[in-house]
């Protein structure tokens, strides 16, 4: 009877330990591990950032290709991303200072991306001039089945040409609609430092500030840049449209903060996502 009693007590002890371990594992899975919902929000933000950055890149490229001033630069052969195909029409009304980029109903660029609609640019003068302003409006614009709308306004903050090219950038009325009909919004005010190379393909854009957005379900979030985001034209030419350096914090009302680290400068599409101290590496191109 004594051996039976001891065996029963041993089994009971193991059963209790197993039960506690199961409960702990369940809590860990639900509360501590980076969830699909967490990564979905990061990918949503990355999709919107990519689409709006693409429109910006196309706008800057068109302005530089039509710039005949002594301060203008030209792309080296093959380095222009989107505007060398016959299906793109660029109209520069230099009198009224309006530049229109028309992709028609669909145009595949040298970078393999399909764009449609128009980008209309109103400018006071070329953006690298101190005090210059630029307004970019999207008209039925779509890139790779992602439709975006809104107006981006740029103001050159330089006092003279000796200063670093710094821009105040605002996005108003920003929205994104996917092919399945899901839509989200975003707006921001931030500062972009434009680090210009001898050839435009070598340029970098350093971005600081925060943005406000909403997800497909209407839940709002705020994304704050903690360490400057670095975008490189050279990386974009290789299909990497996300930042390659910098960190952000995504704040939401229905969950813990999400920390995103875009890496140390390598031209790749990976980012580390951290929630409650737990980190998961995701591929930003898988969206």
Protein backbone atom coordinates (compact mmCIF):
# COMPACT_ATOMS: atom_id res chain seq x y z
CA UNK A 1 0.00 0.00 0.00
CA UNK A 2 2.90 2.35 0.76
CA UNK A 3 4.40 1.94 -2.73
CA UNK A 4 1.00 2.46 -4.32
CA UNK A 5 0.49 5.66 -2.29
CA UNK A 6 3.91 7.00 -3.26
CA UNK A 7 3.30 6.24 -6.93
CA UNK A 8 -0.06 8.00 -6.79
CA UNK A 9 1.51 11.06 -5.15
CA UNK A 10 4.28 11.10 -7.74
CA UNK A 11 1.78 10.92 -10.58
CA UNK A 12 -0.31 13.66 -9.00
CA UNK A 13 2.77 15.88 -8.67
CA UNK A 14 3.69 15.37 -12.33
CA UNK A 15 0.12 16.06 -13.39
CA UNK A 16 0.13 19.37 -11.49
CA UNK A 17 3.47 20.36 -13.03
CA UNK A 18 2.19 19.51 -16.51
CA UNK A 19 -0.98 21.53 -15.93
CA UNK A 20 1.01 24.56 -14.76
CA UNK A 21 3.32 24.26 -17.76
CA UNK A 22 0.35 24.10 -20.13
CA UNK A 23 -1.22 27.23 -18.62
CA UNK A 24 2.11 29.06 -18.73
CA UNK A 25 2.64 28.09 -22.37
CA UNK A 26 -0.85 29.29 -23.26
CA UNK A 27 -0.23 32.64 -21.56
CA UNK A 28 3.11 32.96 -23.31
CA UNK A 29 1.57 32.22 -26.70
CA UNK A 30 -1.23 34.72 -26.29
CA UNK A 31 0.50 37.53 -24.43
CA UNK A 32 4.23 37.48 -25.08
CA UNK A 33 4.90 36.11 -28.58
CA UNK A 34 4.76 38.46 -31.59
CA UNK A 35 1.38 37.65 -33.12
CA UNK A 36 0.10 37.65 -36.69
CA UNK A 37 -1.96 40.74 -35.87
CA UNK A 38 1.23 42.54 -34.81
CA UNK A 39 3.09 41.69 -38.01
CA UNK A 40 0.02 42.43 -40.15
CA UNK A 41 0.01 46.01 -38.84
CA UNK A 42 3.72 46.38 -39.61
CA UNK A 43 3.18 45.01 -43.14
CA UNK A 44 0.19 47.33 -43.66
CA UNK A 45 2.33 50.31 -42.71
CA UNK A 46 5.16 49.08 -44.94
CA UNK A 47 2.79 48.71 -47.90
CA UNK A 48 1.57 52.28 -47.54
CA UNK A 49 5.08 53.64 -46.98
CA UNK A 50 6.28 51.86 -50.10
CA UNK A 51 3.45 53.16 -52.29
CA UNK A 52 3.78 56.79 -51.16
CA UNK A 53 7.59 56.66 -51.35
CA UNK A 54 7.29 55.31 -54.88
CA UNK A 55 5.15 58.28 -55.94
CA UNK A 56 7.71 60.61 -54.35
CA UNK A 57 10.58 58.91 -56.14
CA UNK A 58 8.80 59.12 -59.49
CA UNK A 59 8.07 62.81 -58.90
CA UNK A 60 11.67 63.65 -58.05
CA UNK A 61 12.92 61.64 -60.99
CA UNK A 62 10.66 63.53 -63.41
CA UNK A 63 11.72 66.89 -62.00
CA UNK A 64 15.38 66.01 -62.39
CA UNK A 65 14.93 64.65 -65.91
CA UNK A 66 13.30 67.93 -67.00
CA UNK A 67 15.70 70.23 -65.12
CA UNK A 68 17.83 72.35 -67.45
CA UNK A 69 19.37 74.64 -64.83
CA UNK A 70 23.08 74.74 -64.07
CA UNK A 71 22.33 73.01 -60.75
CA UNK A 72 20.52 70.12 -62.40
CA UNK A 73 21.82 66.57 -62.43
CA UNK A 74 21.16 63.77 -64.89
CA UNK A 75 20.67 60.08 -64.33
CA UNK A 76 23.34 57.85 -65.74
CA UNK A 77 22.25 55.47 -68.50
CA UNK A 78 19.85 52.86 -67.17
CA UNK A 79 19.55 54.36 -63.68
CA UNK A 80 16.14 56.01 -64.08
CA UNK A 81 13.52 53.83 -62.38
CA UNK A 82 10.16 54.44 -63.97
CA UNK A 83 10.07 57.07 -66.67
CA UNK A 84 12.00 55.74 -69.66
CA UNK A 85 9.14 53.81 -71.27
CA UNK A 86 7.12 55.22 -74.17
CA UNK A 87 3.89 54.60 -72.23
CA UNK A 88 4.72 57.46 -69.83
CA UNK A 89 3.91 61.02 -70.88
CA UNK A 90 5.65 63.88 -69.05
CA UNK A 91 4.30 67.38 -69.65
CA UNK A 92 6.16 70.32 -68.13
CA UNK A 93 4.23 73.59 -68.22
CA UNK A 94 7.14 75.84 -67.29
CA UNK A 95 5.00 79.00 -67.51
CA UNK A 96 2.48 77.89 -64.91
CA UNK A 97 5.05 75.63 -63.24
CA UNK A 98 3.01 72.45 -63.38
CA UNK A 99 4.54 69.11 -64.28
CA UNK A 100 2.23 66.19 -65.09
CA UNK A 101 3.29 62.54 -65.22
CA UNK A 102 0.68 60.42 -66.99
CA UNK A 103 0.91 56.61 -66.88
CA UNK A 104 -2.40 56.13 -68.68
CA UNK A 105 -4.37 53.01 -67.83
CA UNK A 106 -1.24 51.01 -67.06
CA UNK A 107 2.46 51.24 -67.72
CA UNK A 108 5.19 48.77 -66.72
CA UNK A 109 8.42 50.56 -65.82
CA UNK A 110 12.02 49.36 -66.19
CA UNK A 111 11.83 48.45 -62.50
CA UNK A 112 9.02 45.97 -63.22
CA UNK A 113 6.34 47.95 -61.37
CA UNK A 114 3.01 48.72 -63.00
CA UNK A 115 1.69 52.26 -62.55
CA UNK A 116 -1.44 53.98 -63.77
CA UNK A 117 -3.11 57.38 -63.35
CA UNK A 118 -1.40 60.72 -62.95
CA UNK A 119 0.97 62.56 -60.65
CA UNK A 120 0.51 66.32 -60.85
CA UNK A 121 3.31 68.49 -59.46
CA UNK A 122 2.90 72.21 -58.74
CA UNK A 123 6.23 73.93 -58.00
CA UNK A 124 7.54 77.41 -57.34
CA UNK A 125 10.98 76.40 -58.55
CA UNK A 126 13.21 73.36 -58.31
CA UNK A 127 13.07 71.87 -54.85
CA UNK A 128 16.78 72.20 -54.08
CA UNK A 129 16.45 76.01 -54.08
CA UNK A 130 16.16 77.59 -50.59
CA UNK A 131 12.53 78.40 -49.80
CA UNK A 132 11.12 76.45 -52.75
CA UNK A 133 7.77 74.67 -52.35
CA UNK A 134 6.37 71.69 -54.17
CA UNK A 135 2.93 70.07 -54.11
CA UNK A 136 2.40 66.53 -55.39
CA UNK A 137 -1.21 65.46 -56.02
CA UNK A 138 -2.19 61.91 -56.95
CA UNK A 139 -4.97 61.52 -59.53
CA UNK A 140 -6.35 57.97 -59.82
CA UNK A 141 -2.81 56.83 -59.10
CA UNK A 142 -2.01 53.17 -58.60
CA UNK A 143 1.20 51.17 -58.25
CA UNK A 144 1.13 47.36 -58.43
CA UNK A 145 -2.65 47.21 -57.66
CA UNK A 146 -2.30 49.52 -54.63
CA UNK A 147 -4.30 52.72 -55.13
CA UNK A 148 -3.18 55.77 -53.16
CA UNK A 149 -4.59 59.27 -52.85
CA UNK A 150 -3.60 62.47 -51.09
CA UNK A 151 -1.39 65.53 -51.44
CA UNK A 152 2.23 65.77 -50.36
CA UNK A 153 3.63 69.26 -49.78
CA UNK A 154 7.36 69.96 -49.58
CA UNK A 155 9.04 73.12 -48.30
CA UNK A 156 12.77 73.65 -48.60
CA UNK A 157 14.07 74.77 -45.19
CA UNK A 158 17.53 75.84 -46.40
CA UNK A 159 18.65 79.42 -45.83
CA UNK A 160 21.31 79.22 -48.55
CA UNK A 161 23.03 76.66 -50.77
CA UNK A 162 25.66 75.96 -48.12
CA UNK A 163 23.05 74.36 -45.87
CA UNK A 164 22.15 70.68 -45.94
CA UNK A 165 19.10 70.14 -48.14
CA UNK A 166 16.33 69.79 -45.54
CA UNK A 167 12.62 69.54 -46.36
CA UNK A 168 9.45 69.89 -44.33
CA UNK A 169 7.06 67.28 -45.73
CA UNK A 170 3.34 66.93 -45.00
CA UNK A 171 0.84 64.38 -46.28
CA UNK A 172 -2.83 65.35 -46.12
CA UNK A 173 -5.83 63.27 -47.13
CA UNK A 174 -3.67 60.20 -47.53
CA UNK A 175 -5.43 56.89 -48.22
CA UNK A 176 -4.54 53.46 -49.55
CA UNK A 177 -6.87 50.91 -51.12
CA UNK A 178 -5.84 47.35 -51.93
CA UNK A 179 -7.15 45.19 -54.75
CA UNK A 180 -9.55 43.42 -52.35
CA UNK A 181 -11.20 46.76 -51.48
CA UNK A 182 -9.65 47.13 -48.02
CA UNK A 183 -8.64 50.73 -47.34
CA UNK A 184 -6.58 52.57 -44.74
CA UNK A 185 -5.64 56.19 -44.07
CA UNK A 186 -2.50 58.07 -43.09
CA UNK A 187 -1.23 61.61 -42.61
CA UNK A 188 2.02 63.06 -41.34
CA UNK A 189 4.34 66.00 -40.87
CA UNK A 190 8.01 65.12 -40.94
CA UNK A 191 11.46 66.27 -41.94
CA UNK A 192 13.42 64.78 -44.81
CA UNK A 193 17.13 65.37 -45.27
CA UNK A 194 17.99 64.89 -48.94
CA UNK A 195 21.58 63.70 -49.23
CA UNK A 196 22.34 64.28 -52.89
CA UNK A 197 25.02 62.35 -54.75
CA UNK A 198 26.86 63.34 -57.92
CA UNK A 199 24.39 61.09 -59.74
CA UNK A 200 20.73 61.03 -58.54
CA UNK A 201 20.82 57.23 -58.34
CA UNK A 202 23.22 57.61 -55.38
CA UNK A 203 20.88 59.83 -53.34
CA UNK A 204 19.69 59.02 -49.83
CA UNK A 205 16.63 60.36 -47.97
CA UNK A 206 16.82 60.57 -44.17
CA UNK A 207 13.38 60.83 -42.59
CA UNK A 208 12.34 61.93 -39.07
CA UNK A 209 8.93 62.58 -37.51
CA UNK A 210 5.68 60.72 -36.88
CA UNK A 211 2.49 59.77 -38.68
CA UNK A 212 -1.10 58.94 -37.85
CA UNK A 213 -2.98 56.20 -39.60
CA UNK A 214 -5.90 53.84 -39.44
CA UNK A 215 -6.16 50.18 -40.30
CA UNK A 216 -8.73 48.44 -42.47
CA UNK A 217 -10.96 47.93 -39.42
CA UNK A 218 -10.80 51.61 -38.56
CA UNK A 219 -8.54 51.21 -35.51
CA UNK A 220 -6.09 54.11 -35.30
CA UNK A 221 -2.36 53.96 -34.68
CA UNK A 222 0.61 56.33 -34.45
CA UNK A 223 4.07 55.58 -35.77
CA UNK A 224 6.97 57.54 -34.28
CA UNK A 225 10.48 57.46 -35.75
CA UNK A 226 13.00 56.94 -32.95
CA UNK A 227 16.14 56.65 -35.07
CA UNK A 228 16.27 58.27 -38.50
CA UNK A 229 14.87 56.17 -41.34
CA UNK A 230 17.24 55.91 -44.30
CA UNK A 231 15.93 55.29 -47.83
CA UNK A 232 18.47 54.71 -50.63
CA UNK A 233 17.81 55.08 -54.30
CA UNK A 234 20.44 52.46 -55.00
CA UNK A 235 18.50 49.95 -52.91
CA UNK A 236 15.22 50.89 -54.58
CA UNK A 237 16.78 50.03 -57.93
CA UNK A 238 17.34 46.54 -56.52
CA UNK A 239 13.69 46.22 -55.49
CA UNK A 240 14.17 47.25 -51.86
CA UNK A 241 11.64 50.04 -51.27
CA UNK A 242 11.57 50.00 -47.46
CA UNK A 243 13.99 51.86 -45.15
CA UNK A 244 17.33 50.12 -44.77
CA UNK A 245 18.18 51.77 -41.44
CA UNK A 246 16.29 53.22 -38.48
CA UNK A 247 13.75 52.26 -35.84
CA UNK A 248 10.11 53.17 -35.20
CA UNK A 249 7.50 52.63 -32.50
CA UNK A 250 3.91 51.87 -33.46
CA UNK A 251 1.45 52.84 -30.73
CA UNK A 252 -2.11 51.49 -30.70
CA UNK A 253 -4.99 51.62 -28.25
CA UNK A 254 -5.89 47.92 -28.44
CA UNK A 255 -2.50 46.36 -27.82
CA UNK A 256 1.09 46.83 -26.66
CA UNK A 257 3.55 48.99 -28.57
CA UNK A 258 5.35 47.49 -31.55
CA UNK A 259 9.04 48.25 -32.10
CA UNK A 260 10.41 47.88 -35.63
CA UNK A 261 14.13 47.84 -36.49
CA UNK A 262 14.97 48.12 -40.20
CA UNK A 263 18.60 47.08 -39.84
CA UNK A 264 22.07 48.57 -40.25
CA UNK A 265 22.06 49.66 -43.89
CA UNK A 266 22.03 46.41 -45.84
CA UNK A 267 19.81 46.51 -48.95
CA UNK A 268 17.33 43.85 -47.83
CA UNK A 269 13.62 43.64 -47.04
CA UNK A 270 13.92 42.26 -43.51
CA UNK A 271 12.94 43.97 -40.27
CA UNK A 272 12.93 42.90 -36.61
CA UNK A 273 9.55 43.30 -34.90
CA UNK A 274 9.53 43.38 -31.09
CA UNK A 275 6.47 43.19 -28.83
CA UNK A 276 6.72 42.81 -25.03
CA UNK A 277 10.43 42.00 -25.34
CA UNK A 278 9.91 39.23 -27.88
CA UNK A 279 11.37 39.64 -31.37
CA UNK A 280 10.40 38.17 -34.71
CA UNK A 281 12.13 38.83 -38.05
CA UNK A 282 9.75 39.40 -40.97
CA UNK A 283 10.13 39.94 -44.70
CA UNK A 284 8.51 43.27 -45.61
CA UNK A 285 8.13 42.20 -49.25
CA UNK A 286 5.74 39.38 -48.27
CA UNK A 287 2.57 41.46 -48.12
